[in-house]
Amino acid sequence: MTPEQEDLLEHIIDYLCEEQAEAVAGLSDAEIKRRALLAIRRAERHELEQPEAITAFASLMFLVAPDFDEQPNIAKALSDTDIPAALRLTEVFSKTSESDWDEAAEKSQGWDKLR
């Protein structure tokens, strides 16, 4: 990992532990780190590059579902090339419905299915 990636990983872990404590409750430090690394890789597949966007994506993985981005309408919004990658994560909320997010949570395969 580059120093920037290590800093981002630490930032995400700190953010989750401080601001989203309920999402990491009961997880070991090693498991939080493993999941945060998965989140970074997954966010990068959606061309998210800004630390804020990657942190927000990771938070959604912890709070909604680790594979929330596979829900069809969410996936479509995240891959919309008409929107710059830097704005896609914020735009995803205006292009999806609450039921899309509920479906993402309900149909999640869980963390163990992610690579």
N, C-alpha and C. Protein backbone atom coordinates (compact mmCIF):
# COMPACT_ATOMS: atom_id res chain seq x y z
N MET A 1 0.84 -1.20 0.00
CA MET A 1 0.00 0.00 0.00
C MET A 1 0.88 1.25 0.00
N THR A 2 0.40 2.25 -0.70
CA THR A 2 1.10 3.52 -0.68
C THR A 2 0.81 4.23 0.64
N PRO A 3 1.62 5.21 1.00
CA PRO A 3 1.33 5.98 2.22
C PRO A 3 -0.06 6.63 2.17
N GLU A 4 -0.48 7.08 0.99
CA GLU A 4 -1.80 7.70 0.85
C GLU A 4 -2.91 6.69 1.12
N GLN A 5 -2.73 5.46 0.59
CA GLN A 5 -3.72 4.42 0.82
C GLN A 5 -3.77 4.03 2.31
N GLU A 6 -2.61 3.96 2.93
CA GLU A 6 -2.57 3.65 4.36
C GLU A 6 -3.27 4.74 5.18
N ASP A 7 -3.04 6.01 4.79
CA ASP A 7 -3.71 7.12 5.47
C ASP A 7 -5.22 7.03 5.30
N LEU A 8 -5.65 6.71 4.08
CA LEU A 8 -7.09 6.59 3.81
C LEU A 8 -7.69 5.45 4.63
N LEU A 9 -7.00 4.33 4.67
CA LEU A 9 -7.48 3.19 5.45
C LEU A 9 -7.63 3.58 6.91
N GLU A 10 -6.62 4.22 7.47
CA GLU A 10 -6.70 4.66 8.88
C GLU A 10 -7.84 5.65 9.08
N HIS A 11 -8.01 6.56 8.12
CA HIS A 11 -9.10 7.54 8.22
C HIS A 11 -10.46 6.84 8.24
N ILE A 12 -10.65 5.88 7.36
CA ILE A 12 -11.93 5.17 7.30
C ILE A 12 -12.17 4.40 8.60
N ILE A 13 -11.15 3.72 9.09
CA ILE A 13 -11.30 2.97 10.34
C ILE A 13 -11.63 3.92 11.48
N ASP A 14 -10.92 5.03 11.58
CA ASP A 14 -11.20 6.01 12.64
C ASP A 14 -12.62 6.55 12.51
N TYR A 15 -13.01 6.89 11.28
CA TYR A 15 -14.35 7.43 11.05
C TYR A 15 -15.42 6.42 11.49
N LEU A 16 -15.26 5.18 11.06
CA LEU A 16 -16.25 4.16 11.43
C LEU A 16 -16.32 3.96 12.93
N CYS A 17 -15.18 3.90 13.57
CA CYS A 17 -15.15 3.66 15.02
C CYS A 17 -15.71 4.84 15.81
N GLU A 18 -15.49 6.05 15.31
CA GLU A 18 -15.93 7.24 16.03
C GLU A 18 -17.35 7.68 15.65
N GLU A 19 -17.67 7.64 14.36
CA GLU A 19 -18.94 8.19 13.89
C GLU A 19 -20.00 7.14 13.59
N GLN A 20 -19.60 5.91 13.37
CA GLN A 20 -20.54 4.83 13.04
C GLN A 20 -20.28 3.63 13.94
N ALA A 21 -20.09 3.89 15.22
CA ALA A 21 -19.69 2.85 16.16
C ALA A 21 -20.64 1.65 16.15
N GLU A 22 -21.93 1.89 15.94
CA GLU A 22 -22.88 0.78 15.93
C GLU A 22 -22.63 -0.16 14.76
N ALA A 23 -22.06 0.36 13.68
CA ALA A 23 -21.81 -0.46 12.50
C ALA A 23 -20.61 -1.39 12.67
N VAL A 24 -19.74 -1.07 13.62
CA VAL A 24 -18.55 -1.90 13.84
C VAL A 24 -18.55 -2.58 15.21
N ALA A 25 -19.63 -2.37 15.95
CA ALA A 25 -19.72 -2.97 17.28
C ALA A 25 -19.56 -4.49 17.19
N GLY A 26 -18.75 -5.03 18.06
CA GLY A 26 -18.56 -6.47 18.11
C GLY A 26 -17.55 -7.01 17.12
N LEU A 27 -17.00 -6.17 16.26
CA LEU A 27 -15.99 -6.61 15.30
C LEU A 27 -14.59 -6.40 15.87
N SER A 28 -13.71 -7.31 15.58
CA SER A 28 -12.32 -7.13 16.00
C SER A 28 -11.67 -6.05 15.14
N ASP A 29 -10.57 -5.50 15.63
CA ASP A 29 -9.83 -4.50 14.85
C ASP A 29 -9.40 -5.07 13.50
N ALA A 30 -8.97 -6.33 13.52
CA ALA A 30 -8.53 -6.96 12.27
C ALA A 30 -9.69 -7.09 11.27
N GLU A 31 -10.88 -7.40 11.76
CA GLU A 31 -12.04 -7.53 10.87
C GLU A 31 -12.48 -6.18 10.34
N ILE A 32 -12.43 -5.16 11.17
CA ILE A 32 -12.77 -3.81 10.70
C ILE A 32 -11.80 -3.41 9.59
N LYS A 33 -10.52 -3.68 9.79
CA LYS A 33 -9.51 -3.35 8.79
C LYS A 33 -9.76 -4.13 7.50
N ARG A 34 -10.03 -5.43 7.61
CA ARG A 34 -10.29 -6.25 6.44
C ARG A 34 -11.47 -5.70 5.64
N ARG A 35 -12.53 -5.37 6.34
CA ARG A 35 -13.72 -4.85 5.66
C ARG A 35 -13.47 -3.47 5.06
N ALA A 36 -12.71 -2.63 5.75
CA ALA A 36 -12.39 -1.31 5.22
C ALA A 36 -11.56 -1.43 3.95
N LEU A 37 -10.63 -2.38 3.92
CA LEU A 37 -9.83 -2.61 2.71
C LEU A 37 -10.72 -3.07 1.56
N LEU A 38 -11.65 -3.96 1.84
CA LEU A 38 -12.61 -4.38 0.82
C LEU A 38 -13.41 -3.20 0.31
N ALA A 39 -13.81 -2.32 1.20
CA ALA A 39 -14.60 -1.14 0.83
C ALA A 39 -13.80 -0.22 -0.09
N ILE A 40 -12.54 -0.01 0.24
CA ILE A 40 -11.70 0.85 -0.60
C ILE A 40 -11.60 0.26 -2.01
N ARG A 41 -11.31 -1.01 -2.10
CA ARG A 41 -11.18 -1.66 -3.41
C ARG A 41 -12.49 -1.57 -4.20
N ARG A 42 -13.59 -1.78 -3.51
CA ARG A 42 -14.89 -1.77 -4.17
C ARG A 42 -15.23 -0.36 -4.64
N ALA A 43 -14.94 0.64 -3.83
CA ALA A 43 -15.19 2.03 -4.22
C ALA A 43 -14.35 2.41 -5.44
N GLU A 44 -13.11 1.95 -5.46
CA GLU A 44 -12.24 2.26 -6.59
C GLU A 44 -12.75 1.64 -7.88
N ARG A 45 -13.43 0.51 -7.81
CA ARG A 45 -14.00 -0.11 -9.01
C ARG A 45 -15.08 0.78 -9.63
N HIS A 46 -15.67 1.64 -8.79
CA HIS A 46 -16.68 2.59 -9.28
C HIS A 46 -16.04 3.93 -9.64
N GLU A 47 -14.72 3.93 -9.75
CA GLU A 47 -13.95 5.12 -10.13
C GLU A 47 -14.01 6.23 -9.09
N LEU A 48 -14.34 5.89 -7.87
CA LEU A 48 -14.32 6.87 -6.79
C LEU A 48 -12.87 7.05 -6.37
N GLU A 49 -12.43 8.29 -6.32
CA GLU A 49 -11.03 8.56 -6.01
C GLU A 49 -10.85 9.49 -4.83
N GLN A 50 -11.81 10.36 -4.57
CA GLN A 50 -11.68 11.31 -3.49
C GLN A 50 -11.84 10.59 -2.15
N PRO A 51 -10.99 10.91 -1.18
CA PRO A 51 -11.09 10.27 0.13
C PRO A 51 -12.49 10.37 0.75
N GLU A 52 -13.13 11.51 0.57
CA GLU A 52 -14.47 11.69 1.14
C GLU A 52 -15.47 10.74 0.52
N ALA A 53 -15.39 10.59 -0.80
CA ALA A 53 -16.32 9.69 -1.50
C ALA A 53 -16.05 8.23 -1.12
N ILE A 54 -14.80 7.86 -1.00
CA ILE A 54 -14.47 6.48 -0.63
C ILE A 54 -14.90 6.20 0.80
N THR A 55 -14.73 7.18 1.69
CA THR A 55 -15.18 7.02 3.07
C THR A 55 -16.69 6.88 3.13
N ALA A 56 -17.40 7.69 2.36
CA ALA A 56 -18.86 7.60 2.33
C ALA A 56 -19.31 6.25 1.78
N PHE A 57 -18.64 5.78 0.73
CA PHE A 57 -18.96 4.47 0.15
C PHE A 57 -18.75 3.38 1.19
N ALA A 58 -17.63 3.43 1.88
CA ALA A 58 -17.34 2.44 2.93
C ALA A 58 -18.41 2.48 4.01
N SER A 59 -18.82 3.66 4.40
CA SER A 59 -19.88 3.79 5.42
C SER A 59 -21.16 3.12 4.96
N LEU A 60 -21.52 3.31 3.69
CA LEU A 60 -22.72 2.68 3.16
C LEU A 60 -22.60 1.17 3.18
N MET A 61 -21.41 0.67 2.91
CA MET A 61 -21.20 -0.77 2.96
C MET A 61 -21.43 -1.30 4.38
N PHE A 62 -20.99 -0.56 5.37
CA PHE A 62 -21.16 -0.97 6.76
C PHE A 62 -22.59 -0.76 7.25
N LEU A 63 -23.24 0.31 6.81
CA LEU A 63 -24.56 0.68 7.34
C LEU A 63 -25.72 0.05 6.57
N VAL A 64 -25.59 -0.08 5.26
CA VAL A 64 -26.70 -0.60 4.44
C VAL A 64 -26.48 -2.08 4.15
N ALA A 65 -25.42 -2.35 3.41
CA ALA A 65 -25.08 -3.73 3.05
C ALA A 65 -23.72 -3.69 2.36
N PRO A 66 -22.90 -4.69 2.59
CA PRO A 66 -21.57 -4.68 1.99
C PRO A 66 -21.60 -4.74 0.46
N ASP A 67 -22.69 -5.22 -0.09
CA ASP A 67 -22.82 -5.32 -1.54
C ASP A 67 -23.98 -4.45 -2.05
N PHE A 68 -24.23 -3.34 -1.35
CA PHE A 68 -25.34 -2.46 -1.74
C PHE A 68 -25.25 -2.02 -3.19
N ASP A 69 -24.03 -1.93 -3.69
CA ASP A 69 -23.81 -1.43 -5.04
C ASP A 69 -24.19 -2.44 -6.12
N GLU A 70 -24.64 -3.63 -5.74
CA GLU A 70 -25.11 -4.61 -6.71
C GLU A 70 -26.61 -4.51 -6.96
N GLN A 71 -27.32 -3.77 -6.13
CA GLN A 71 -28.75 -3.58 -6.35
C GLN A 71 -28.89 -2.87 -7.71
N PRO A 72 -29.75 -3.34 -8.60
CA PRO A 72 -29.76 -2.83 -9.98
C PRO A 72 -29.85 -1.31 -10.14
N ASN A 73 -30.75 -0.66 -9.44
CA ASN A 73 -30.88 0.80 -9.62
C ASN A 73 -29.70 1.56 -9.02
N ILE A 74 -29.18 1.06 -7.92
CA ILE A 74 -27.99 1.69 -7.32
C ILE A 74 -26.80 1.47 -8.25
N ALA A 75 -26.65 0.26 -8.75
CA ALA A 75 -25.55 -0.05 -9.67
C ALA A 75 -25.62 0.84 -10.91
N LYS A 76 -26.81 1.03 -11.44
CA LYS A 76 -26.99 1.87 -12.63
C LYS A 76 -26.57 3.31 -12.34
N ALA A 77 -26.98 3.82 -11.19
CA ALA A 77 -26.62 5.19 -10.83
C ALA A 77 -25.12 5.33 -10.62
N LEU A 78 -24.50 4.34 -10.01
CA LEU A 78 -23.06 4.41 -9.75
C LEU A 78 -22.23 4.26 -11.03
N SER A 79 -22.81 3.71 -12.07
CA SER A 79 -22.07 3.52 -13.31
C SER A 79 -22.48 4.51 -14.41
N ASP A 80 -23.26 5.51 -14.05
CA ASP A 80 -23.74 6.50 -15.01
C ASP A 80 -22.59 7.39 -15.47
N THR A 81 -22.09 7.13 -16.66
CA THR A 81 -20.94 7.89 -17.16
C THR A 81 -21.30 9.31 -17.59
N ASP A 82 -22.58 9.64 -17.60
CA ASP A 82 -22.97 11.02 -17.88
C ASP A 82 -22.68 11.92 -16.69
N ILE A 83 -22.44 11.32 -15.55
CA ILE A 83 -22.13 12.06 -14.32
C ILE A 83 -20.66 11.82 -14.00
N PRO A 84 -19.90 12.89 -13.75
CA PRO A 84 -18.49 12.68 -13.39
C PRO A 84 -18.37 11.75 -12.17
N ALA A 85 -17.37 10.91 -12.17
CA ALA A 85 -17.18 9.95 -11.09
C ALA A 85 -17.18 10.62 -9.73
N ALA A 86 -16.64 11.81 -9.65
CA ALA A 86 -16.55 12.52 -8.38
C ALA A 86 -17.93 12.86 -7.80
N LEU A 87 -18.94 12.91 -8.66
CA LEU A 87 -20.28 13.29 -8.20
C LEU A 87 -21.25 12.11 -8.10
N ARG A 88 -20.86 10.97 -8.60
CA ARG A 88 -21.79 9.84 -8.69
C ARG A 88 -22.35 9.40 -7.34
N LEU A 89 -21.52 9.37 -6.32
CA LEU A 89 -22.01 8.88 -5.04
C LEU A 89 -23.07 9.82 -4.46
N THR A 90 -22.89 11.11 -4.61
CA THR A 90 -23.92 12.03 -4.10
C THR A 90 -25.17 11.99 -4.97
N GLU A 91 -24.99 11.80 -6.27
CA GLU A 91 -26.12 11.74 -7.18
C GLU A 91 -26.92 10.44 -7.04
N VAL A 92 -26.29 9.39 -6.54
CA VAL A 92 -26.97 8.10 -6.44
C VAL A 92 -28.24 8.21 -5.60
N PHE A 93 -28.25 9.09 -4.63
CA PHE A 93 -29.42 9.23 -3.75
C PHE A 93 -30.61 9.86 -4.47
N SER A 94 -30.35 10.76 -5.43
CA SER A 94 -31.46 11.37 -6.16
C SER A 94 -31.96 10.46 -7.29
N LYS A 95 -31.17 9.45 -7.63
CA LYS A 95 -31.54 8.56 -8.73
C LYS A 95 -32.07 7.20 -8.26
N THR A 96 -32.19 7.05 -6.96
CA THR A 96 -32.68 5.79 -6.39
C THR A 96 -33.78 6.09 -5.38
N SER A 97 -34.51 5.03 -5.04
CA SER A 97 -35.60 5.20 -4.08
C SER A 97 -35.26 4.50 -2.77
N GLU A 98 -36.02 4.79 -1.76
CA GLU A 98 -35.83 4.14 -0.47
C GLU A 98 -36.00 2.63 -0.61
N SER A 99 -36.92 2.21 -1.47
CA SER A 99 -37.12 0.77 -1.66
C SER A 99 -35.90 0.11 -2.31
N ASP A 100 -35.15 0.85 -3.13
CA ASP A 100 -33.91 0.31 -3.69
C ASP A 100 -32.91 -0.01 -2.57
N TRP A 101 -32.82 0.91 -1.62
CA TRP A 101 -31.88 0.73 -0.51
C TRP A 101 -32.36 -0.39 0.42
N ASP A 102 -33.68 -0.46 0.61
CA ASP A 102 -34.22 -1.57 1.42
C ASP A 102 -33.92 -2.91 0.76
N GLU A 103 -34.10 -2.96 -0.56
CA GLU A 103 -33.82 -4.19 -1.30
C GLU A 103 -32.33 -4.56 -1.20
N ALA A 104 -31.47 -3.57 -1.29
CA ALA A 104 -30.03 -3.82 -1.18
C ALA A 104 -29.70 -4.46 0.16
N ALA A 105 -30.32 -3.97 1.22
CA ALA A 105 -30.08 -4.53 2.55
C ALA A 105 -30.65 -5.94 2.68
N GLU A 106 -31.87 -6.11 2.17
CA GLU A 106 -32.55 -7.41 2.31
C GLU A 106 -31.89 -8.52 1.51
N LYS A 107 -31.36 -8.19 0.35
CA LYS A 107 -30.80 -9.22 -0.54
C LYS A 107 -29.29 -9.36 -0.43
N SER A 108 -28.71 -8.71 0.54
CA SER A 108 -27.25 -8.75 0.71
C SER A 108 -26.76 -10.18 0.93
N GLN A 109 -25.64 -10.49 0.31
CA GLN A 109 -24.98 -11.78 0.50
C GLN A 109 -24.01 -11.75 1.68
N GLY A 110 -23.80 -10.56 2.25
CA GLY A 110 -22.93 -10.43 3.42
C GLY A 110 -21.47 -10.25 3.08
N TRP A 111 -20.71 -9.97 4.08
CA TRP A 111 -19.28 -9.68 3.93
C TRP A 111 -18.47 -10.88 3.45
N ASP A 112 -18.83 -12.06 3.85
CA ASP A 112 -18.01 -13.23 3.51
C ASP A 112 -18.04 -13.56 2.03
N LYS A 113 -18.99 -13.03 1.29
CA LYS A 113 -19.09 -13.30 -0.15
C LYS A 113 -18.25 -12.32 -0.97
N LEU A 114 -17.76 -11.27 -0.33
CA LEU A 114 -17.00 -10.25 -1.06
C LEU A 114 -15.55 -10.64 -1.24
N ARG A 115 -15.00 -10.17 -2.31
CA ARG A 115 -13.56 -10.35 -2.60
C ARG A 115 -12.96 -9.04 -2.97
